[in-house]
């Protein structure tokens, strides 16, 4: 599993609502992004954690 968050946050992530999305480029599997509750987090987005829920905020 990829470790994309600090340990204190990774311990609080509900992996039922957080999915890692991969793609295959030139035969190598690479991380494409993270889907949180149906919303894809993209480069430049802010992922907020309010103590209970994760959410994606667009720039």
N, C-alpha and C. Protein backbone atom coordinates (compact mmCIF):
# COMPACT_ATOMS: atom_id res chain seq x y z
N UNK A 1 0.85 -1.18 0.00
CA UNK A 1 0.00 0.00 0.00
C UNK A 1 0.90 1.24 0.00
N UNK A 2 0.48 2.24 -0.75
CA UNK A 2 1.22 3.50 -0.79
C UNK A 2 0.95 4.29 0.48
N UNK A 3 1.97 4.92 1.00
CA UNK A 3 1.80 5.77 2.16
C UNK A 3 1.81 7.20 1.66
N UNK A 4 0.64 7.79 1.51
CA UNK A 4 0.52 9.13 0.98
C UNK A 4 0.24 10.16 2.06
N UNK A 5 0.01 9.71 3.25
CA UNK A 5 -0.34 10.62 4.34
C UNK A 5 0.62 10.39 5.51
N UNK A 6 0.79 11.41 6.35
CA UNK A 6 1.59 11.20 7.56
C UNK A 6 0.93 10.14 8.44
N UNK A 7 1.72 9.53 9.30
CA UNK A 7 1.22 8.44 10.14
C UNK A 7 -0.01 8.83 10.95
N UNK A 8 -0.05 10.04 11.51
CA UNK A 8 -1.18 10.44 12.34
C UNK A 8 -2.46 10.53 11.52
N UNK A 9 -2.36 10.88 10.24
CA UNK A 9 -3.54 10.97 9.38
C UNK A 9 -3.90 9.60 8.82
N UNK A 10 -2.91 8.82 8.45
CA UNK A 10 -3.17 7.49 7.89
C UNK A 10 -3.93 6.61 8.88
N UNK A 11 -3.68 6.79 10.15
CA UNK A 11 -4.37 6.01 11.17
C UNK A 11 -5.85 6.37 11.26
N UNK A 12 -6.24 7.52 10.75
CA UNK A 12 -7.63 7.99 10.84
C UNK A 12 -8.40 7.85 9.52
N UNK A 13 -7.74 7.41 8.46
CA UNK A 13 -8.41 7.31 7.16
C UNK A 13 -9.32 6.10 7.13
N UNK A 14 -10.54 6.31 6.67
CA UNK A 14 -11.50 5.24 6.46
C UNK A 14 -11.28 4.73 5.04
N UNK A 15 -10.64 3.58 4.89
CA UNK A 15 -10.30 3.08 3.55
C UNK A 15 -11.52 2.58 2.79
N UNK A 16 -12.71 2.61 3.40
CA UNK A 16 -13.93 2.33 2.66
C UNK A 16 -14.33 3.49 1.78
N UNK A 17 -13.92 4.70 2.14
CA UNK A 17 -14.29 5.88 1.35
C UNK A 17 -13.10 6.46 0.59
N UNK A 18 -11.89 5.97 0.84
CA UNK A 18 -10.69 6.46 0.16
C UNK A 18 -10.15 5.34 -0.72
N UNK A 19 -10.03 5.63 -2.01
CA UNK A 19 -9.50 4.64 -2.96
C UNK A 19 -8.33 5.23 -3.71
N UNK A 20 -7.29 4.43 -3.89
CA UNK A 20 -6.15 4.83 -4.71
C UNK A 20 -6.42 4.37 -6.13
N UNK A 21 -6.26 5.27 -7.10
CA UNK A 21 -6.53 4.97 -8.50
C UNK A 21 -5.21 4.87 -9.24
N UNK A 22 -4.99 3.72 -9.86
CA UNK A 22 -3.75 3.47 -10.58
C UNK A 22 -4.01 3.40 -12.07
N UNK A 23 -2.98 3.65 -12.87
CA UNK A 23 -3.03 3.45 -14.31
C UNK A 23 -1.74 2.76 -14.73
N UNK A 24 -1.78 2.13 -15.89
CA UNK A 24 -0.59 1.45 -16.41
C UNK A 24 -0.02 2.28 -17.55
N UNK A 25 1.21 2.75 -17.37
CA UNK A 25 1.90 3.56 -18.37
C UNK A 25 3.17 2.83 -18.75
N UNK A 26 3.28 2.47 -20.03
CA UNK A 26 4.45 1.75 -20.53
C UNK A 26 4.76 0.50 -19.71
N UNK A 27 3.72 -0.21 -19.31
CA UNK A 27 3.89 -1.45 -18.57
C UNK A 27 4.14 -1.30 -17.08
N UNK A 28 4.25 -0.06 -16.61
CA UNK A 28 4.47 0.19 -15.18
C UNK A 28 3.20 0.75 -14.55
N UNK A 29 2.87 0.24 -13.38
CA UNK A 29 1.70 0.74 -12.67
C UNK A 29 2.09 1.99 -11.91
N UNK A 30 1.34 3.09 -12.13
CA UNK A 30 1.64 4.35 -11.46
C UNK A 30 0.37 4.89 -10.81
N UNK A 31 0.56 5.57 -9.71
CA UNK A 31 -0.56 6.17 -9.00
C UNK A 31 -1.10 7.34 -9.81
N UNK A 32 -2.38 7.30 -10.14
CA UNK A 32 -3.02 8.36 -10.93
C UNK A 32 -3.62 9.42 -10.02
N UNK A 33 -4.18 9.00 -8.91
CA UNK A 33 -4.81 9.95 -8.00
C UNK A 33 -5.48 9.24 -6.84
N UNK A 34 -6.19 10.00 -6.06
CA UNK A 34 -6.90 9.49 -4.90
C UNK A 34 -8.36 9.91 -5.02
N UNK A 35 -9.26 8.96 -4.85
CA UNK A 35 -10.69 9.25 -4.89
C UNK A 35 -11.22 9.22 -3.46
N UNK A 36 -11.83 10.32 -3.04
CA UNK A 36 -12.39 10.44 -1.70
C UNK A 36 -13.88 10.69 -1.82
N UNK A 37 -14.67 9.74 -1.33
CA UNK A 37 -16.13 9.82 -1.40
C UNK A 37 -16.61 10.19 -2.80
N UNK A 38 -16.04 9.55 -3.81
CA UNK A 38 -16.50 9.75 -5.18
C UNK A 38 -15.88 10.94 -5.90
N UNK A 39 -15.09 11.76 -5.23
CA UNK A 39 -14.44 12.91 -5.86
C UNK A 39 -12.96 12.63 -6.02
N UNK A 40 -12.47 12.85 -7.23
CA UNK A 40 -11.06 12.58 -7.51
C UNK A 40 -10.23 13.78 -7.10
N UNK A 41 -9.21 13.55 -6.26
CA UNK A 41 -8.28 14.60 -5.87
C UNK A 41 -7.23 14.73 -6.96
N UNK A 42 -6.99 15.95 -7.43
CA UNK A 42 -6.04 16.21 -8.49
C UNK A 42 -4.90 17.05 -7.93
N UNK A 43 -3.83 17.17 -8.71
CA UNK A 43 -2.70 17.98 -8.30
C UNK A 43 -3.17 19.41 -8.08
N UNK A 44 -2.80 20.00 -6.96
CA UNK A 44 -3.19 21.36 -6.63
C UNK A 44 -4.40 21.45 -5.72
N UNK A 45 -5.14 20.34 -5.57
CA UNK A 45 -6.29 20.33 -4.67
C UNK A 45 -5.82 20.24 -3.23
N UNK A 46 -6.67 20.68 -2.34
CA UNK A 46 -6.40 20.57 -0.91
C UNK A 46 -7.30 19.48 -0.34
N UNK A 47 -6.70 18.57 0.40
CA UNK A 47 -7.48 17.54 1.10
C UNK A 47 -7.57 17.96 2.56
N UNK A 48 -8.79 18.17 3.02
CA UNK A 48 -9.02 18.64 4.39
C UNK A 48 -9.48 17.49 5.27
N UNK A 49 -9.05 17.53 6.51
CA UNK A 49 -9.47 16.56 7.51
C UNK A 49 -9.97 17.34 8.70
N UNK A 50 -11.25 17.19 9.03
CA UNK A 50 -11.85 17.97 10.11
C UNK A 50 -11.90 17.23 11.45
N UNK A 51 -11.15 16.14 11.55
CA UNK A 51 -11.17 15.34 12.76
C UNK A 51 -12.02 14.10 12.61
N UNK A 52 -12.93 14.12 11.63
CA UNK A 52 -13.79 12.97 11.38
C UNK A 52 -13.87 12.62 9.90
N UNK A 53 -13.94 13.61 9.02
CA UNK A 53 -14.15 13.38 7.60
C UNK A 53 -13.02 13.98 6.76
N UNK A 54 -12.73 13.34 5.64
CA UNK A 54 -11.83 13.87 4.63
C UNK A 54 -12.66 14.48 3.51
N UNK A 55 -12.20 15.58 2.94
CA UNK A 55 -12.90 16.18 1.81
C UNK A 55 -11.88 16.79 0.85
N UNK A 56 -12.28 16.94 -0.42
CA UNK A 56 -11.43 17.50 -1.45
C UNK A 56 -11.92 18.91 -1.74
N UNK A 57 -11.01 19.87 -1.71
CA UNK A 57 -11.34 21.26 -2.03
C UNK A 57 -10.57 21.67 -3.26
N UNK A 58 -11.29 22.15 -4.26
CA UNK A 58 -10.67 22.60 -5.50
C UNK A 58 -10.07 23.97 -5.33
N UNK A 59 -9.00 24.26 -6.10
CA UNK A 59 -8.40 25.60 -6.07
C UNK A 59 -9.26 26.57 -6.80
